[in-house]
PDB file of N, CA and C in Angstrom:
ATOM      1  N   MET A   1      -2.978  31.927   5.452  1.00  0.00           N
ATOM      2  CA  MET A   1      -1.603  31.604   5.120  1.00  0.00           C
ATOM      3  C   MET A   1      -1.018  30.586   6.085  1.00  0.00           C
ATOM      4  N   GLN A   2      -1.593  30.436   7.268  1.00  0.00           N
ATOM      5  CA  GLN A   2      -1.071  29.471   8.223  1.00  0.00           C
ATOM      6  C   GLN A   2      -1.225  28.045   7.717  1.00  0.00           C
ATOM      7  N   GLY A   3      -2.321  27.730   7.040  1.00  0.00           N
ATOM      8  CA  GLY A   3      -2.542  26.393   6.511  1.00  0.00           C
ATOM      9  C   GLY A   3      -1.500  26.026   5.473  1.00  0.00           C
ATOM     10  N   LEU A   4      -1.203  26.968   4.577  1.00  0.00           N
ATOM     11  CA  LEU A   4      -0.199  26.740   3.548  1.00  0.00           C
ATOM     12  C   LEU A   4       1.181  26.560   4.175  1.00  0.00           C
ATOM     13  N   SER A   5       1.490  27.342   5.172  1.00  0.00           N
ATOM     14  CA  SER A   5       2.780  27.214   5.863  1.00  0.00           C
ATOM     15  C   SER A   5       2.925  25.833   6.484  1.00  0.00           C
ATOM     16  N   PHE A   6       1.854  25.329   7.067  1.00  0.00           N
ATOM     17  CA  PHE A   6       1.874  24.008   7.668  1.00  0.00           C
ATOM     18  C   PHE A   6       2.132  22.934   6.608  1.00  0.00           C
ATOM     19  N   ILE A   7       1.428  23.015   5.480  1.00  0.00           N
ATOM     20  CA  ILE A   7       1.587  22.046   4.397  1.00  0.00           C
ATOM     21  C   ILE A   7       3.016  22.069   3.863  1.00  0.00           C
ATOM     22  N   VAL A   8       3.557  23.257   3.652  1.00  0.00           N
ATOM     23  CA  VAL A   8       4.926  23.382   3.139  1.00  0.00           C
ATOM     24  C   VAL A   8       5.920  22.805   4.148  1.00  0.00           C
ATOM     25  N   THR A   9       5.707  23.051   5.423  1.00  0.00           N
ATOM     26  CA  THR A   9       6.595  22.519   6.463  1.00  0.00           C
ATOM     27  C   THR A   9       6.559  20.999   6.492  1.00  0.00           C
ATOM     28  N   VAL A  10       5.369  20.414   6.450  1.00  0.00           N
ATOM     29  CA  VAL A  10       5.236  18.954   6.472  1.00  0.00           C
ATOM     30  C   VAL A  10       5.837  18.347   5.210  1.00  0.00           C
ATOM     31  N   ALA A  11       5.581  18.942   4.057  1.00  0.00           N
ATOM     32  CA  ALA A  11       6.149  18.447   2.798  1.00  0.00           C
ATOM     33  C   ALA A  11       7.677  18.492   2.845  1.00  0.00           C
ATOM     34  N   GLY A  12       8.228  19.551   3.403  1.00  0.00           N
ATOM     35  CA  GLY A  12       9.682  19.661   3.540  1.00  0.00           C
ATOM     36  C   GLY A  12      10.254  18.604   4.458  1.00  0.00           C
ATOM     37  N   MET A  13       9.541  18.300   5.537  1.00  0.00           N
ATOM     38  CA  MET A  13      10.002  17.260   6.465  1.00  0.00           C
ATOM     39  C   MET A  13       9.982  15.882   5.794  1.00  0.00           C
ATOM     40  N   ILE A  14       8.927  15.617   5.033  1.00  0.00           N
ATOM     41  CA  ILE A  14       8.838  14.338   4.323  1.00  0.00           C
ATOM     42  C   ILE A  14       9.939  14.237   3.282  1.00  0.00           C
ATOM     43  N   TYR A  15      10.147  15.311   2.504  1.00  0.00           N
ATOM     44  CA  TYR A  15      11.197  15.303   1.484  1.00  0.00           C
ATOM     45  C   TYR A  15      12.567  15.098   2.120  1.00  0.00           C
ATOM     46  N   HIS A  16      12.825  15.745   3.244  1.00  0.00           N
ATOM     47  CA  HIS A  16      14.101  15.613   3.930  1.00  0.00           C
ATOM     48  C   HIS A  16      14.359  14.161   4.313  1.00  0.00           C
ATOM     49  N   ASP A  17      13.344  13.479   4.845  1.00  0.00           N
ATOM     50  CA  ASP A  17      13.505  12.076   5.238  1.00  0.00           C
ATOM     51  C   ASP A  17      13.734  11.181   4.025  1.00  0.00           C
ATOM     52  N   ILE A  18      12.988  11.431   2.942  1.00  0.00           N
ATOM     53  CA  ILE A  18      13.165  10.630   1.726  1.00  0.00           C
ATOM     54  C   ILE A  18      14.552  10.880   1.132  1.00  0.00           C
ATOM     55  N   LYS A  19      15.003  12.128   1.139  1.00  0.00           N
ATOM     56  CA  LYS A  19      16.329  12.475   0.596  1.00  0.00           C
ATOM     57  C   LYS A  19      17.444  11.795   1.397  1.00  0.00           C
ATOM     58  N   ARG A  20      17.295  11.756   2.730  1.00  0.00           N
ATOM     59  CA  ARG A  20      18.287  11.098   3.569  1.00  0.00           C
ATOM     60  C   ARG A  20      18.373   9.613   3.242  1.00  0.00           C
ATOM     61  N   VAL A  21      17.221   8.967   3.106  1.00  0.00           N
ATOM     62  CA  VAL A  21      17.183   7.543   2.759  1.00  0.00           C
ATOM     63  C   VAL A  21      17.744   7.326   1.360  1.00  0.00           C
ATOM     64  N   ALA A  22      17.437   8.221   0.435  1.00  0.00           N
ATOM     65  CA  ALA A  22      17.943   8.110  -0.932  1.00  0.00           C
ATOM     66  C   ALA A  22      19.460   8.190  -0.951  1.00  0.00           C
ATOM     67  N   ASP A  23      20.017   9.113  -0.197  1.00  0.00           N
ATOM     68  CA  ASP A  23      21.473   9.248  -0.148  1.00  0.00           C
ATOM     69  C   ASP A  23      22.127   8.003   0.451  1.00  0.00           C
ATOM     70  N   GLU A  24      21.517   7.439   1.486  1.00  0.00           N
ATOM     71  CA  GLU A  24      22.072   6.247   2.129  1.00  0.00           C
ATOM     72  C   GLU A  24      21.966   5.017   1.239  1.00  0.00           C
ATOM     73  N   SER A  25      20.930   4.936   0.421  1.00  0.00           N
ATOM     74  CA  SER A  25      20.693   3.736  -0.391  1.00  0.00           C
ATOM     75  C   SER A  25      21.240   3.859  -1.812  1.00  0.00           C
ATOM     76  N   LYS A  26      21.871   4.975  -2.131  1.00  0.00           N
ATOM     77  CA  LYS A  26      22.453   5.212  -3.455  1.00  0.00           C
ATOM     78  C   LYS A  26      21.389   5.210  -4.564  1.00  0.00           C
ATOM     79  N   LEU A  27      20.174   5.625  -4.228  1.00  0.00           N
ATOM     80  CA  LEU A  27      19.094   5.778  -5.197  1.00  0.00           C
ATOM     81  C   LEU A  27      18.710   7.245  -5.256  1.00  0.00           C
ATOM     82  N   SER A  28      18.031   7.623  -6.328  1.00  0.00           N
ATOM     83  CA  SER A  28      17.535   9.001  -6.396  1.00  0.00           C
ATOM     84  C   SER A  28      16.146   9.073  -5.772  1.00  0.00           C
ATOM     85  N   VAL A  29      15.763  10.262  -5.370  1.00  0.00           N
ATOM     86  CA  VAL A  29      14.424  10.469  -4.820  1.00  0.00           C
ATOM     87  C   VAL A  29      13.381  10.090  -5.871  1.00  0.00           C
ATOM     88  N   LYS A  30      13.665  10.423  -7.131  1.00  0.00           N
ATOM     89  CA  LYS A  30      12.745  10.104  -8.218  1.00  0.00           C
ATOM     90  C   LYS A  30      12.546   8.592  -8.347  1.00  0.00           C
ATOM     91  N   GLU A  31      13.634   7.810  -8.265  1.00  0.00           N
ATOM     92  CA  GLU A  31      13.527   6.350  -8.353  1.00  0.00           C
ATOM     93  C   GLU A  31      12.692   5.788  -7.206  1.00  0.00           C
ATOM     94  N   ILE A  32      12.953   6.282  -6.007  1.00  0.00           N
ATOM     95  CA  ILE A  32      12.212   5.804  -4.836  1.00  0.00           C
ATOM     96  C   ILE A  32      10.733   6.133  -4.981  1.00  0.00           C
ATOM     97  N   MET A  33      10.410   7.358  -5.345  1.00  0.00           N
ATOM     98  CA  MET A  33       9.015   7.770  -5.473  1.00  0.00           C
ATOM     99  C   MET A  33       8.307   7.015  -6.600  1.00  0.00           C
ATOM    100  N   ARG A  34       9.008   6.798  -7.718  1.00  0.00           N
ATOM    101  CA  ARG A  34       8.406   6.094  -8.853  1.00  0.00           C
ATOM    102  C   ARG A  34       8.002   4.669  -8.469  1.00  0.00           C
ATOM    103  N   GLU A  35       8.853   3.981  -7.723  1.00  0.00           N
ATOM    104  CA  GLU A  35       8.548   2.612  -7.337  1.00  0.00           C
ATOM    105  C   GLU A  35       7.573   2.530  -6.169  1.00  0.00           C
ATOM    106  N   MET A  36       7.767   3.366  -5.167  1.00  0.00           N
ATOM    107  CA  MET A  36       6.945   3.257  -3.960  1.00  0.00           C
ATOM    108  C   MET A  36       5.501   3.730  -4.188  1.00  0.00           C
ATOM    109  N   LYS A  37       5.263   4.529  -5.245  1.00  0.00           N
ATOM    110  CA  LYS A  37       3.878   4.922  -5.500  1.00  0.00           C
ATOM    111  C   LYS A  37       3.048   3.746  -6.006  1.00  0.00           C
ATOM    112  N   LYS A  38       3.706   2.679  -6.437  1.00  0.00           N
ATOM    113  CA  LYS A  38       3.011   1.461  -6.867  1.00  0.00           C
ATOM    114  C   LYS A  38       2.554   0.619  -5.678  1.00  0.00           C
ATOM    115  N   LEU A  39       3.074   0.927  -4.504  1.00  0.00           N
ATOM    116  CA  LEU A  39       2.767   0.149  -3.307  1.00  0.00           C
ATOM    117  C   LEU A  39       1.362   0.473  -2.810  1.00  0.00           C
ATOM    118  N   LYS A  40       0.552  -0.562  -2.629  1.00  0.00           N
ATOM    119  CA  LYS A  40      -0.809  -0.357  -2.128  1.00  0.00           C
ATOM    120  C   LYS A  40      -0.904  -0.970  -0.739  1.00  0.00           C
ATOM    121  N   ILE A  41      -1.140  -0.116   0.257  1.00  0.00           N
ATOM    122  CA  ILE A  41      -1.243  -0.563   1.643  1.00  0.00           C
ATOM    123  C   ILE A  41      -2.641  -0.211   2.145  1.00  0.00           C
ATOM    124  N   THR A  42      -3.308  -1.194   2.753  1.00  0.00           N
ATOM    125  CA  THR A  42      -4.642  -0.956   3.292  1.00  0.00           C
ATOM    126  C   THR A  42      -4.673  -1.358   4.759  1.00  0.00           C
ATOM    127  N   LEU A  43      -5.627  -0.800   5.461  1.00  0.00           N
ATOM    128  CA  LEU A  43      -5.833  -1.136   6.866  1.00  0.00           C
ATOM    129  C   LEU A  43      -6.951  -2.169   6.929  1.00  0.00           C
ATOM    130  N   ASN A  44      -6.622  -3.373   7.371  1.00  0.00           N
ATOM    131  CA  ASN A  44      -7.576  -4.476   7.471  1.00  0.00           C
ATOM    132  C   ASN A  44      -7.812  -4.748   8.955  1.00  0.00           C
ATOM    133  N   GLY A  45      -8.897  -4.211   9.485  1.00  0.00           N
ATOM    134  CA  GLY A  45      -9.126  -4.305  10.925  1.00  0.00           C
ATOM    135  C   GLY A  45      -8.150  -3.384  11.627  1.00  0.00           C
ATOM    136  N   ASN A  46      -7.243  -3.960  12.402  1.00  0.00           N
ATOM    137  CA  ASN A  46      -6.209  -3.142  13.051  1.00  0.00           C
ATOM    138  C   ASN A  46      -4.819  -3.500  12.539  1.00  0.00           C
ATOM    139  N   LYS A  47      -4.738  -4.124  11.357  1.00  0.00           N
ATOM    140  CA  LYS A  47      -3.461  -4.539  10.791  1.00  0.00           C
ATOM    141  C   LYS A  47      -3.267  -3.933   9.402  1.00  0.00           C
ATOM    142  N   TRP A  48      -2.089  -3.360   9.170  1.00  0.00           N
ATOM    143  CA  TRP A  48      -1.759  -2.828   7.850  1.00  0.00           C
ATOM    144  C   TRP A  48      -1.338  -3.982   6.953  1.00  0.00           C
ATOM    145  N   VAL A  49      -1.845  -3.988   5.714  1.00  0.00           N
ATOM    146  CA  VAL A  49      -1.595  -5.080   4.782  1.00  0.00           C
ATOM    147  C   VAL A  49      -1.108  -4.513   3.456  1.00  0.00           C
ATOM    148  N   VAL A  50      -0.020  -5.087   2.934  1.00  0.00           N
ATOM    149  CA  VAL A  50       0.463  -4.729   1.607  1.00  0.00           C
ATOM    150  C   VAL A  50      -0.318  -5.576   0.611  1.00  0.00           C
ATOM    151  N   GLU A  51      -1.078  -4.925  -0.267  1.00  0.00           N
ATOM    152  CA  GLU A  51      -1.954  -5.643  -1.195  1.00  0.00           C
ATOM    153  C   GLU A  51      -1.221  -6.162  -2.426  1.00  0.00           C
ATOM    154  N   ASN A  52      -0.294  -5.398  -2.969  1.00  0.00           N
ATOM    155  CA  ASN A  52       0.425  -5.849  -4.156  1.00  0.00           C
ATOM    156  C   ASN A  52       1.854  -6.217  -3.782  1.00  0.00           C
ATOM    157  N   LYS A  53       2.423  -7.117  -4.569  1.00  0.00           N
ATOM    158  CA  LYS A  53       3.751  -7.628  -4.233  1.00  0.00           C
ATOM    159  C   LYS A  53       4.656  -7.567  -5.468  1.00  0.00           C
ATOM    160  N   ILE A  54       4.793  -6.400  -6.058  1.00  0.00           N
ATOM    161  CA  ILE A  54       5.599  -6.208  -7.259  1.00  0.00           C
ATOM    162  C   ILE A  54       7.076  -6.303  -6.892  1.00  0.00           C
ATOM    163  N   LYS A  55       7.832  -7.092  -7.662  1.00  0.00           N
ATOM    164  CA  LYS A  55       9.238  -7.340  -7.342  1.00  0.00           C
ATOM    165  C   LYS A  55      10.066  -6.055  -7.314  1.00  0.00           C
ATOM    166  N   SER A  56       9.865  -5.161  -8.274  1.00  0.00           N
ATOM    167  CA  SER A  56      10.660  -3.926  -8.305  1.00  0.00           C
ATOM    168  C   SER A  56      10.391  -3.071  -7.059  1.00  0.00           C
ATOM    169  N   VAL A  57       9.152  -3.073  -6.597  1.00  0.00           N
ATOM    170  CA  VAL A  57       8.802  -2.329  -5.385  1.00  0.00           C
ATOM    171  C   VAL A  57       9.461  -2.974  -4.171  1.00  0.00           C
ATOM    172  N   ARG A  58       9.429  -4.311  -4.098  1.00  0.00           N
ATOM    173  CA  ARG A  58      10.078  -5.020  -2.989  1.00  0.00           C
ATOM    174  C   ARG A  58      11.572  -4.731  -2.956  1.00  0.00           C
ATOM    175  N   ASP A  59      12.211  -4.690  -4.131  1.00  0.00           N
ATOM    176  CA  ASP A  59      13.649  -4.422  -4.198  1.00  0.00           C
ATOM    177  C   ASP A  59      13.983  -3.020  -3.688  1.00  0.00           C
ATOM    178  N   VAL A  60      13.236  -2.018  -4.144  1.00  0.00           N
ATOM    179  CA  VAL A  60      13.480  -0.648  -3.697  1.00  0.00           C
ATOM    180  C   VAL A  60      13.161  -0.509  -2.214  1.00  0.00           C
ATOM    181  N   ALA A  61      12.068  -1.111  -1.781  1.00  0.00           N
ATOM    182  CA  ALA A  61      11.699  -1.049  -0.363  1.00  0.00           C
ATOM    183  C   ALA A  61      12.791  -1.659   0.509  1.00  0.00           C
ATOM    184  N   ALA A  62      13.378  -2.759   0.064  1.00  0.00           N
ATOM    185  CA  ALA A  62      14.462  -3.387   0.830  1.00  0.00           C
ATOM    186  C   ALA A  62      15.673  -2.461   0.897  1.00  0.00           C
ATOM    187  N   LYS A  63      15.978  -1.768  -0.196  1.00  0.00           N
ATOM    188  CA  LYS A  63      17.119  -0.856  -0.218  1.00  0.00           C
ATOM    189  C   LYS A  63      16.936   0.323   0.728  1.00  0.00           C
ATOM    190  N   VAL A  64      15.694   0.760   0.901  1.00  0.00           N
ATOM    191  CA  VAL A  64      15.453   1.911   1.771  1.00  0.00           C
ATOM    192  C   VAL A  64      15.088   1.500   3.195  1.00  0.00           C
ATOM    193  N   GLY A  65      15.074   0.191   3.461  1.00  0.00           N
ATOM    194  CA  GLY A  65      14.873  -0.283   4.828  1.00  0.00           C
ATOM    195  C   GLY A  65      13.437  -0.542   5.231  1.00  0.00           C
ATOM    196  N   PHE A  66      12.522  -0.658   4.265  1.00  0.00           N
ATOM    197  CA  PHE A  66      11.120  -0.955   4.568  1.00  0.00           C
ATOM    198  C   PHE A  66      10.896  -2.442   4.351  1.00  0.00           C
ATOM    199  N   ASP A  67      10.581  -3.166   5.414  1.00  0.00           N
ATOM    200  CA  ASP A  67      10.441  -4.617   5.363  1.00  0.00           C
ATOM    201  C   ASP A  67       9.005  -4.988   4.999  1.00  0.00           C
ATOM    202  N   ILE A  68       8.741  -5.186   3.708  1.00  0.00           N
ATOM    203  CA  ILE A  68       7.390  -5.506   3.241  1.00  0.00           C
ATOM    204  C   ILE A  68       6.882  -6.839   3.785  1.00  0.00           C
ATOM    205  N   PRO A  69       7.669  -7.926   3.785  1.00  0.00           N
ATOM    206  CA  PRO A  69       7.098  -9.212   4.224  1.00  0.00           C
ATOM    207  C   PRO A  69       6.452  -9.198   5.604  1.00  0.00           C
ATOM    208  N   LYS A  70       6.910  -8.380   6.522  1.00  0.00           N
ATOM    209  CA  LYS A  70       6.288  -8.383   7.844  1.00  0.00           C
ATOM    210  C   LYS A  70       4.901  -7.748   7.843  1.00  0.00           C
ATOM    211  N   TYR A  71       4.527  -7.093   6.735  1.00  0.00           N
ATOM    212  CA  TYR A  71       3.213  -6.478   6.627  1.00  0.00           C
ATOM    213  C   TYR A  71       2.233  -7.299   5.781  1.00  0.00           C
ATOM    214  N   LEU A  72       2.670  -8.434   5.252  1.00  0.00           N
ATOM    215  CA  LEU A  72       1.810  -9.234   4.393  1.00  0.00           C
ATOM    216  C   LEU A  72       0.956 -10.196   5.204  1.00  0.00           C
ATOM    217  N   LEU A  73      -0.317 -10.316   4.848  1.00  0.00           N
ATOM    218  CA  LEU A  73      -1.158 -11.363   5.428  1.00  0.00           C
ATOM    219  C   LEU A  73      -0.799 -12.695   4.794  1.00  0.00           C
ATOM    220  N   ASP A  74      -0.771 -12.699   3.459  1.00  0.00           N
ATOM    221  CA  ASP A  74      -0.399 -13.887   2.705  1.00  0.00           C
ATOM    222  C   ASP A  74       1.103 -13.833   2.475  1.00  0.00           C
ATOM    223  N   LYS A  75       1.856 -14.754   3.038  1.00  0.00           N
ATOM    224  CA  LYS A  75       3.312 -14.698   2.967  1.00  0.00           C
ATOM    225  C   LYS A  75       3.856 -15.134   1.613  1.00  0.00           C
ATOM    226  N   THR A  76       3.018 -15.585   0.689  1.00  0.00           N
ATOM    227  CA  THR A  76       3.504 -15.954  -0.633  1.00  0.00           C
ATOM    228  C   THR A  76       3.834 -14.681  -1.401  1.00  0.00           C
ATOM    229  N   VAL A  77       4.918 -14.700  -2.121  1.00  0.00           N
ATOM    230  CA  VAL A  77       5.366 -13.518  -2.848  1.00  0.00           C
ATOM    231  C   VAL A  77       5.433 -13.865  -4.333  1.00  0.00           C
ATOM    232  N   SER A  78       4.763 -13.065  -5.157  1.00  0.00           N
ATOM    233  CA  SER A  78       4.786 -13.294  -6.588  1.00  0.00           C
ATOM    234  C   SER A  78       5.943 -12.534  -7.221  1.00  0.00           C
ATOM    235  N   THR A  79       6.364 -12.947  -8.407  1.00  0.00           N
ATOM    236  CA  THR A  79       7.465 -12.269  -9.104  1.00  0.00           C
ATOM    237  C   THR A  79       6.966 -11.430 -10.238  1.00  0.00           C
TER     238      THR A  79
END
Protein backbone atom coordinates (compact mmCIF):
# COMPACT_ATOMS: atom_id res chain seq x y z
CA MET A 1 0.00 0.00 0.00
CA GLN A 2 2.97 2.34 0.42
CA GLY A 3 3.62 2.40 -3.34
CA LEU A 4 0.03 3.37 -4.09
CA SER A 5 0.13 6.08 -1.43
CA PHE A 6 3.24 7.52 -3.03
CA ILE A 7 1.66 7.55 -6.51
CA VAL A 8 -1.52 9.21 -5.20
CA THR A 9 0.55 11.83 -3.35
CA VAL A 10 2.66 12.66 -6.42
CA ALA A 11 -0.42 12.77 -8.68
CA GLY A 12 -2.11 15.14 -6.22
CA MET A 13 0.94 17.41 -6.17
CA ILE A 14 1.04 17.53 -9.97
CA TYR A 15 -2.71 18.21 -10.19
CA HIS A 16 -2.41 20.98 -7.59
CA ASP A 17 0.31 22.73 -9.63
CA ILE A 18 -1.65 22.38 -12.89
CA LYS A 19 -4.83 23.65 -11.19
CA ARG A 20 -2.98 26.70 -9.83
CA VAL A 21 -1.63 27.53 -13.30
CA ALA A 22 -5.08 26.93 -14.82
CA ASP A 23 -6.69 29.35 -12.39
CA GLU A 24 -4.05 32.01 -13.09
CA SER A 25 -4.29 31.64 -16.87
CA LYS A 26 -8.12 31.51 -17.03
CA LEU A 27 -8.00 28.07 -18.71
CA SER A 28 -9.42 24.78 -17.52
CA VAL A 29 -7.24 21.87 -16.48
CA LYS A 30 -8.87 19.88 -19.29
CA GLU A 31 -7.87 22.50 -21.91
CA ILE A 32 -4.29 22.60 -20.65
CA MET A 33 -3.96 18.81 -20.58
CA ARG A 34 -5.58 18.39 -24.02
CA GLU A 35 -3.10 20.76 -25.66
CA MET A 36 0.04 19.95 -23.69
CA LYS A 37 -0.27 16.20 -24.34
CA LYS A 38 0.49 17.03 -27.99
CA LEU A 39 3.87 18.42 -26.93
CA LYS A 40 6.77 16.10 -27.74
CA ILE A 41 9.97 16.78 -25.81
CA THR A 42 13.09 14.66 -26.20
CA LEU A 43 16.51 14.68 -24.60
CA ASN A 44 19.18 15.22 -27.27
CA GLY A 45 22.54 14.73 -25.59
CA ASN A 46 22.25 16.97 -22.55
CA LYS A 47 19.69 19.39 -24.05
CA TRP A 48 15.90 19.11 -23.98
CA VAL A 49 14.36 19.71 -27.41
CA VAL A 50 10.75 20.40 -28.38
CA GLU A 51 10.17 18.25 -31.48
CA ASN A 52 6.78 19.56 -32.63
CA LYS A 53 5.77 23.18 -32.94
CA ILE A 54 1.95 23.16 -33.09
CA LYS A 55 0.52 26.68 -32.83
CA SER A 56 -2.30 25.75 -30.41
CA VAL A 57 0.24 24.10 -28.09
CA ARG A 58 2.51 27.17 -28.27
CA ASP A 59 -0.44 29.43 -27.41
CA VAL A 60 -1.48 27.38 -24.36
CA ALA A 61 2.14 26.98 -23.25
CA ALA A 62 2.60 30.76 -23.41
CA LYS A 63 -0.54 31.28 -21.31
CA VAL A 64 0.72 28.93 -18.61
CA GLY A 65 4.23 30.40 -18.61
CA PHE A 66 6.18 27.67 -20.45
CA ASP A 67 8.59 29.30 -22.92
CA ILE A 68 8.84 26.80 -25.79
CA PRO A 69 11.22 28.80 -28.06
CA LYS A 70 14.08 28.59 -25.56
CA TYR A 71 13.92 24.79 -25.84
CA LEU A 72 14.01 24.59 -29.65
CA LEU A 73 17.14 23.60 -31.55
CA ASP A 74 15.67 24.91 -34.80
CA LYS A 75 14.34 28.40 -34.07
CA THR A 76 11.97 28.35 -37.07
CA VAL A 77 8.37 27.99 -35.98
CA SER A 78 5.70 26.49 -38.21
CA THR A 79 2.01 27.48 -38.09
